[in-house]
C-alpha cells in the first residue's frame, strides 16, 4: 500500500520469490507496471518483474500481509481506504519514516495487527514503473503474532529481517539519520557524498544529532547503536544518494519534513528541550515547499 520506492523494492523481491503481490499506487505508475511489469534495477540486476498493480485499496482484499509504505502525512487517509478491505487476520507492517506511524495506524485500524518496521534501504523511483536500488535493504520489525514467519519469508526473498524488542530505539536512530541528512540534501539538492564536503556541514549535522539525542533521552528512548558513527557511514556508503525529501522537493511535492525534523521540534517543545538547528531546517524546507506550491 503506497507503492513508491520502498514498496516497489520489497514488492519486487517478494514477487521474484514467487509470492502473489499487488502494488497499490498512483495511476501513471500502475499503468506502467500493468503494461511492462515493474523494472527492478540493482547493481548486478536489471529486469522486469511481473506483478499485479492497482490504484484501488480494494486490491488488498484477502491479503495476509500488507506492507504499509505511504508517506507519514497520508497514514490516516490510507488506513481509511484500506479498512473495508482488510482480511481479519492480516498483518500490516508500518514501513514508514518517522517514529509514531505504527501507533497512528493502530488507532485508525482497531482490531488489526500492526508491526512497526524499520527500513534500511536506499531506493528511488527512476520513472513510472521503474525502481532503482542503491544499497542496503535490511528490516527490523517489532515482535507480534506471526512475526517470525514473516521475518523468514522476507529474509528468504532477499530482505534480511530481524525481530527486535527495541524497535522504538531503532526508529529513533533512523529518524536521527533522516534529520541529519534529509533537509540539508533537499535544500541543496546535493547527494550525501558531496553534501558532507561543504564547509561547516558536518558541524551542522552534529548539532542536529545532539538535539535529537537530547529529545530522545528526555522522552525515555534508548536509541540503538552509535548514532554519530552511523551518520558518518551514510555519506561513505551511499555517496550518490539524495534524500527522499530532496526527491519530493525536486518534483514539487510536499515532503515528510513535519514528521522528521518537525517531529523532533514538537517533542522538544513538549519536553522543554531547545532544538534550534532542527527548527531552522524544518522552516527552510517548509518555505521551499510553499514556494513550489505557489
Protein backbone atom coordinates (compact mmCIF):
# COMPACT_ATOMS: atom_id res chain seq x y z
CA UNK A 1 0.00 0.00 0.00
CA UNK A 2 1.71 3.16 -1.25
CA UNK A 3 3.93 1.57 -3.88
CA UNK A 4 6.69 4.13 -4.14
CA UNK A 5 10.40 3.41 -3.98
CA UNK A 6 10.23 1.35 -0.76
CA UNK A 7 7.02 -0.51 -1.57
CA UNK A 8 8.13 -1.33 -5.10
CA UNK A 9 11.53 -2.60 -4.00
CA UNK A 10 10.22 -5.02 -1.39
CA UNK A 11 7.20 -5.91 -3.53
CA UNK A 12 9.56 -6.81 -6.38
CA UNK A 13 11.67 -9.00 -4.10
CA UNK A 14 8.58 -10.85 -2.86
CA UNK A 15 7.23 -11.29 -6.39
CA UNK A 16 10.59 -12.61 -7.62
CA UNK A 17 10.48 -15.12 -4.74
CA UNK A 18 7.19 -16.49 -6.06
CA UNK A 19 4.69 -14.74 -3.79
CA UNK A 20 1.46 -13.23 -5.07
CA UNK A 21 1.92 -9.46 -4.81
CA UNK A 22 -0.18 -6.48 -5.78
CA UNK A 23 1.21 -2.94 -5.82
CA UNK A 24 -1.28 -0.20 -4.89
CA UNK A 25 -0.09 3.16 -6.17
CA UNK A 26 -0.66 6.17 -8.38
CA UNK A 27 -2.18 5.87 -11.89
CA UNK A 28 0.94 6.58 -14.02
CA UNK A 29 2.98 4.08 -12.03
CA UNK A 30 0.25 1.44 -12.04
CA UNK A 31 -0.30 1.79 -15.80
CA UNK A 32 3.43 1.35 -16.47
CA UNK A 33 3.58 -1.80 -14.32
CA UNK A 34 0.47 -3.23 -15.98
CA UNK A 35 1.94 -2.60 -19.44
CA UNK A 36 5.53 -3.71 -18.99
CA UNK A 37 5.99 -5.10 -15.49
CA UNK A 38 7.97 -3.45 -12.71
CA UNK A 39 11.55 -2.66 -13.70
CA UNK A 40 13.89 -3.53 -10.83
CA UNK A 41 17.38 -2.13 -11.24
CA UNK A 42 20.15 -3.13 -8.85
CA UNK A 43 23.94 -3.15 -9.09
CA UNK A 44 24.09 -6.56 -10.75
CA UNK A 45 20.48 -6.87 -11.93
CA UNK A 46 18.14 -5.11 -14.33
CA UNK A 47 14.92 -6.99 -15.06
CA UNK A 48 11.17 -6.68 -15.46
CA UNK A 49 9.20 -8.28 -12.65
CA UNK A 50 5.67 -9.39 -13.48
CA UNK A 51 3.46 -8.16 -10.66
CA UNK A 52 -0.16 -7.04 -10.32
CA UNK A 53 -0.86 -3.35 -9.76
CA UNK A 54 -3.93 -1.29 -8.93
CA UNK A 55 -4.90 2.24 -7.95
CA UNK A 56 -7.61 0.92 -5.60
CA UNK A 57 -7.24 -0.09 -1.96
CA UNK A 58 -9.77 -2.86 -2.66
CA UNK A 59 -6.88 -4.76 -4.29
CA UNK A 60 -5.68 -5.56 -0.76
CA UNK A 61 -8.71 -7.81 -0.21
CA UNK A 62 -7.63 -11.23 1.02
CA UNK A 63 -4.02 -10.23 1.64
CA UNK A 64 -2.36 -11.89 4.62
CA UNK A 65 0.49 -9.33 4.71
CA UNK A 66 0.26 -5.63 3.91
CA UNK A 67 3.43 -3.56 3.51
CA UNK A 68 2.16 -0.13 4.51
CA UNK A 69 4.54 2.28 2.76
CA UNK A 70 2.60 5.53 2.36
CA UNK A 71 4.08 8.84 3.46
CA UNK A 72 3.62 9.77 7.11
CA UNK A 73 1.29 12.58 6.03
CA UNK A 74 -1.09 10.01 4.49
CA UNK A 75 -1.24 7.42 7.28
CA UNK A 76 -4.83 8.06 8.41
CA UNK A 77 -6.30 8.60 4.94
CA UNK A 78 -4.66 5.45 3.53
CA UNK A 79 -5.80 3.45 6.56
CA UNK A 80 -9.37 4.62 5.97
CA UNK A 81 -9.17 3.43 2.35
CA UNK A 82 -7.86 0.03 3.44
CA UNK A 83 -10.22 -0.53 6.37
CA UNK A 84 -13.18 -2.06 4.45
CA UNK A 85 -10.94 -4.46 2.54
CA UNK A 86 -8.56 -5.90 5.15
CA UNK A 87 -8.79 -9.59 5.94
CA UNK A 88 -9.42 -10.19 9.67
CA UNK A 89 -6.04 -11.88 10.21
CA UNK A 90 -3.95 -9.56 8.03
CA UNK A 91 -0.68 -8.23 9.46
CA UNK A 92 0.32 -4.69 8.49
CA UNK A 93 3.97 -3.69 8.55
CA UNK A 94 4.37 0.07 9.01
CA UNK A 95 7.46 0.58 6.81
CA UNK A 96 7.43 4.38 7.05
CA UNK A 97 9.72 7.19 8.07
CA UNK A 98 9.09 8.80 11.44
CA UNK A 99 8.56 7.16 14.81
CA UNK A 100 4.81 7.25 15.53
CA UNK A 101 3.17 5.81 12.41
CA UNK A 102 2.51 2.36 13.86
CA UNK A 103 0.67 3.93 16.80
CA UNK A 104 -1.38 6.11 14.44
CA UNK A 105 -2.12 3.10 12.24
CA UNK A 106 -3.32 1.02 15.20
CA UNK A 107 -5.61 3.86 16.24
CA UNK A 108 -7.01 4.10 12.69
CA UNK A 109 -7.43 0.30 12.31
CA UNK A 110 -8.56 -1.02 15.69
CA UNK A 111 -8.54 -4.80 15.89
CA UNK A 112 -5.93 -5.23 13.17
CA UNK A 113 -2.36 -6.35 13.84
CA UNK A 114 0.29 -3.70 13.13
CA UNK A 115 4.06 -4.07 13.49
CA UNK A 116 6.41 -1.11 13.35
CA UNK A 117 9.20 -1.94 10.90
CA UNK A 118 12.44 -0.04 10.42
CA UNK A 119 13.62 0.08 6.80
CA UNK A 120 17.29 0.48 5.95
CA UNK A 121 17.39 0.84 2.18
CA UNK A 122 18.41 3.40 -0.43
CA UNK A 123 15.98 3.35 -3.35
CA UNK A 124 14.38 5.78 -5.75
CA UNK A 125 11.69 5.78 -8.39
CA UNK A 126 13.62 6.42 -11.60
CA UNK A 127 10.36 6.79 -13.52
CA UNK A 128 6.89 5.24 -13.69
CA UNK A 129 7.22 1.50 -13.15
CA UNK A 130 10.97 1.74 -12.54
CA UNK A 131 12.56 1.31 -9.10
CA UNK A 132 16.33 1.74 -8.68
CA UNK A 133 18.15 0.25 -5.70
CA UNK A 134 21.28 2.00 -4.41
CA UNK A 135 22.14 -0.02 -1.33
CA UNK A 136 21.24 -2.00 1.79
CA UNK A 137 17.77 -3.45 2.28
CA UNK A 138 17.55 -4.97 5.77
CA UNK A 139 14.48 -4.64 8.00
CA UNK A 140 13.91 -4.62 11.77
CA UNK A 141 10.38 -5.36 12.99
CA UNK A 142 8.76 -5.41 16.39
CA UNK A 143 7.56 -8.69 17.93
CA UNK A 144 3.97 -9.70 17.19
CA UNK A 145 1.94 -12.79 16.38
CA UNK A 146 3.34 -14.28 13.18
CA UNK A 147 6.45 -12.08 13.21
CA UNK A 148 8.90 -14.98 12.98
CA UNK A 149 7.16 -16.46 9.92
CA UNK A 150 7.07 -13.07 8.20
CA UNK A 151 10.74 -12.45 9.01
CA UNK A 152 11.67 -15.80 7.46
CA UNK A 153 9.56 -15.05 4.37
CA UNK A 154 11.17 -11.64 3.85
CA UNK A 155 14.68 -12.92 4.52
CA UNK A 156 14.23 -15.75 2.01
CA UNK A 157 13.08 -13.16 -0.56
CA UNK A 158 16.31 -11.19 -0.15
CA UNK A 159 15.35 -8.72 2.59
CA UNK A 160 17.21 -9.75 5.77
CA UNK A 161 14.76 -9.20 8.62
CA UNK A 162 15.43 -9.07 12.36
CA UNK A 163 12.87 -9.02 15.18
CA UNK A 164 13.75 -6.59 17.97
CA UNK A 165 12.18 -5.71 21.29
CA UNK A 166 13.50 -2.14 20.97
CA UNK A 167 12.05 -1.08 17.64
CA UNK A 168 11.28 2.32 19.17
CA UNK A 169 15.00 2.86 19.71
CA UNK A 170 15.74 1.71 16.16
CA UNK A 171 13.05 4.00 14.74
CA UNK A 172 14.59 6.93 16.61
CA UNK A 173 18.07 6.00 15.34
CA UNK A 174 16.76 6.12 11.77
CA UNK A 175 14.82 9.31 12.49
CA UNK A 176 18.06 10.97 13.60
CA UNK A 177 19.81 9.88 10.39
CA UNK A 178 16.95 11.38 8.40
CA UNK A 179 17.03 14.59 10.43
CA UNK A 180 20.76 14.92 9.79
CA UNK A 181 20.62 14.36 6.04
CA UNK A 182 17.18 14.82 4.52
CA UNK A 183 16.61 18.54 4.91
CA UNK A 184 20.18 19.52 4.00
CA UNK A 185 20.08 17.29 0.92
CA UNK A 186 16.71 18.79 -0.03
CA UNK A 187 17.75 22.42 0.45
CA UNK A 188 20.95 21.99 -1.56
CA UNK A 189 19.74 19.23 -3.93
CA UNK A 190 23.07 17.51 -3.32
CA UNK A 191 23.82 13.81 -2.78
CA UNK A 192 25.22 12.78 0.58
CA UNK A 193 28.84 12.42 -0.53
CA UNK A 194 29.04 15.98 -1.87
CA UNK A 195 26.88 17.38 0.91
CA UNK A 196 29.30 16.48 3.71
CA UNK A 197 32.19 18.15 1.86
CA UNK A 198 30.58 21.58 2.31
CA UNK A 199 32.11 23.97 4.85
CA UNK A 200 30.66 23.51 8.35
CA UNK A 201 28.06 21.00 7.11
CA UNK A 202 29.23 18.19 9.37
CA UNK A 203 29.14 20.61 12.31
CA UNK A 204 25.53 21.49 11.49
CA UNK A 205 24.71 17.79 11.25
CA UNK A 206 26.39 17.28 14.62
CA UNK A 207 24.18 19.98 16.13
CA UNK A 208 21.07 18.30 14.70
CA UNK A 209 22.12 14.90 16.04
CA UNK A 210 22.89 16.28 19.52
CA UNK A 211 19.45 17.92 19.70
CA UNK A 212 17.71 14.73 18.58
CA UNK A 213 19.58 12.63 21.15
CA UNK A 214 18.69 15.10 23.91
CA UNK A 215 14.99 14.91 22.98
CA UNK A 216 15.10 11.12 22.77
CA UNK A 217 16.73 10.87 26.20
CA UNK A 218 14.12 13.19 27.70
CA UNK A 219 11.44 11.03 26.07
CA UNK A 220 12.79 7.86 27.66
CA UNK A 221 14.03 6.34 24.39
CA UNK A 222 17.05 4.03 24.32
CA UNK A 223 18.43 4.92 20.88
CA UNK A 224 20.02 1.93 19.16
CA UNK A 225 23.71 1.94 18.19
CA UNK A 226 26.38 4.60 17.84
CA UNK A 227 24.37 7.30 16.08
CA UNK A 228 27.21 9.76 15.28
CA UNK A 229 29.18 6.90 13.68
CA UNK A 230 26.10 5.79 11.75
CA UNK A 231 25.64 9.33 10.44
CA UNK A 232 29.22 9.36 9.15
CA UNK A 233 28.78 5.96 7.47
CA UNK A 234 25.77 7.13 5.44
CA UNK A 235 27.87 9.51 3.35
CA UNK A 236 30.61 6.90 2.99
CA UNK A 237 28.35 4.02 1.93
CA UNK A 238 25.75 5.96 -0.11
CA UNK A 239 27.65 8.95 -1.56
CA UNK A 240 25.44 9.24 -4.67
CA UNK A 241 22.13 9.04 -2.79
CA UNK A 242 19.87 12.07 -2.37
CA UNK A 243 17.25 12.08 0.36
CA UNK A 244 13.57 11.29 -0.17
CA UNK A 245 12.90 14.87 0.95
CA UNK A 246 15.18 16.15 -1.82
CA UNK A 247 13.37 13.96 -4.35
CA UNK A 248 10.00 15.30 -3.18
CA UNK A 249 11.12 18.93 -3.47
CA UNK A 250 12.62 18.30 -6.91
CA UNK A 251 9.20 17.05 -8.04
CA UNK A 252 7.34 19.93 -6.42
CA UNK A 253 5.72 17.63 -3.86
CA UNK A 254 5.12 18.05 -0.14
CA UNK A 255 7.65 16.09 1.91
CA UNK A 256 7.57 14.32 5.27
CA UNK A 257 9.58 17.08 6.96
CA UNK A 258 6.85 17.63 9.59
CA UNK A 259 7.40 14.02 10.70
CA UNK A 260 11.22 14.28 10.68
CA UNK A 261 12.84 17.50 11.96
CA UNK A 262 9.34 18.82 12.66
CA UNK A 263 8.60 15.89 14.96
CA UNK A 264 11.80 16.48 16.93
CA UNK A 265 10.88 20.18 17.17
CA UNK A 266 7.42 19.37 18.58
CA UNK A 267 8.67 16.74 21.04
CA UNK A 268 11.41 19.12 22.15
CA UNK A 269 8.86 21.84 22.81
CA UNK A 270 6.71 19.40 24.80
CA UNK A 271 9.69 18.22 26.84
CA UNK A 272 11.41 21.58 27.33
CA UNK A 273 14.40 20.80 25.07
CA UNK A 274 15.63 23.52 22.68
CA UNK A 275 16.11 22.35 19.07
CA UNK A 276 17.25 25.42 17.09
CA UNK A 277 19.11 23.52 14.34
CA UNK A 278 16.11 21.28 13.67
CA UNK A 279 13.83 24.34 13.76
CA UNK A 280 15.85 26.12 11.05
CA UNK A 281 15.97 23.08 8.75
CA UNK A 282 12.26 22.44 9.19
CA UNK A 283 11.41 26.08 8.47
CA UNK A 284 13.59 26.22 5.33
CA UNK A 285 12.14 23.05 3.82
CA UNK A 286 8.60 24.27 4.52
CA UNK A 287 9.44 27.56 2.79
CA UNK A 288 10.72 25.71 -0.27
CA UNK A 289 7.59 23.56 -0.32
CA UNK A 290 5.38 26.66 -0.12
CA UNK A 291 7.37 28.32 -2.91
CA UNK A 292 6.93 25.27 -5.15
CA UNK A 293 3.21 25.20 -4.38
CA UNK A 294 2.85 28.87 -5.30
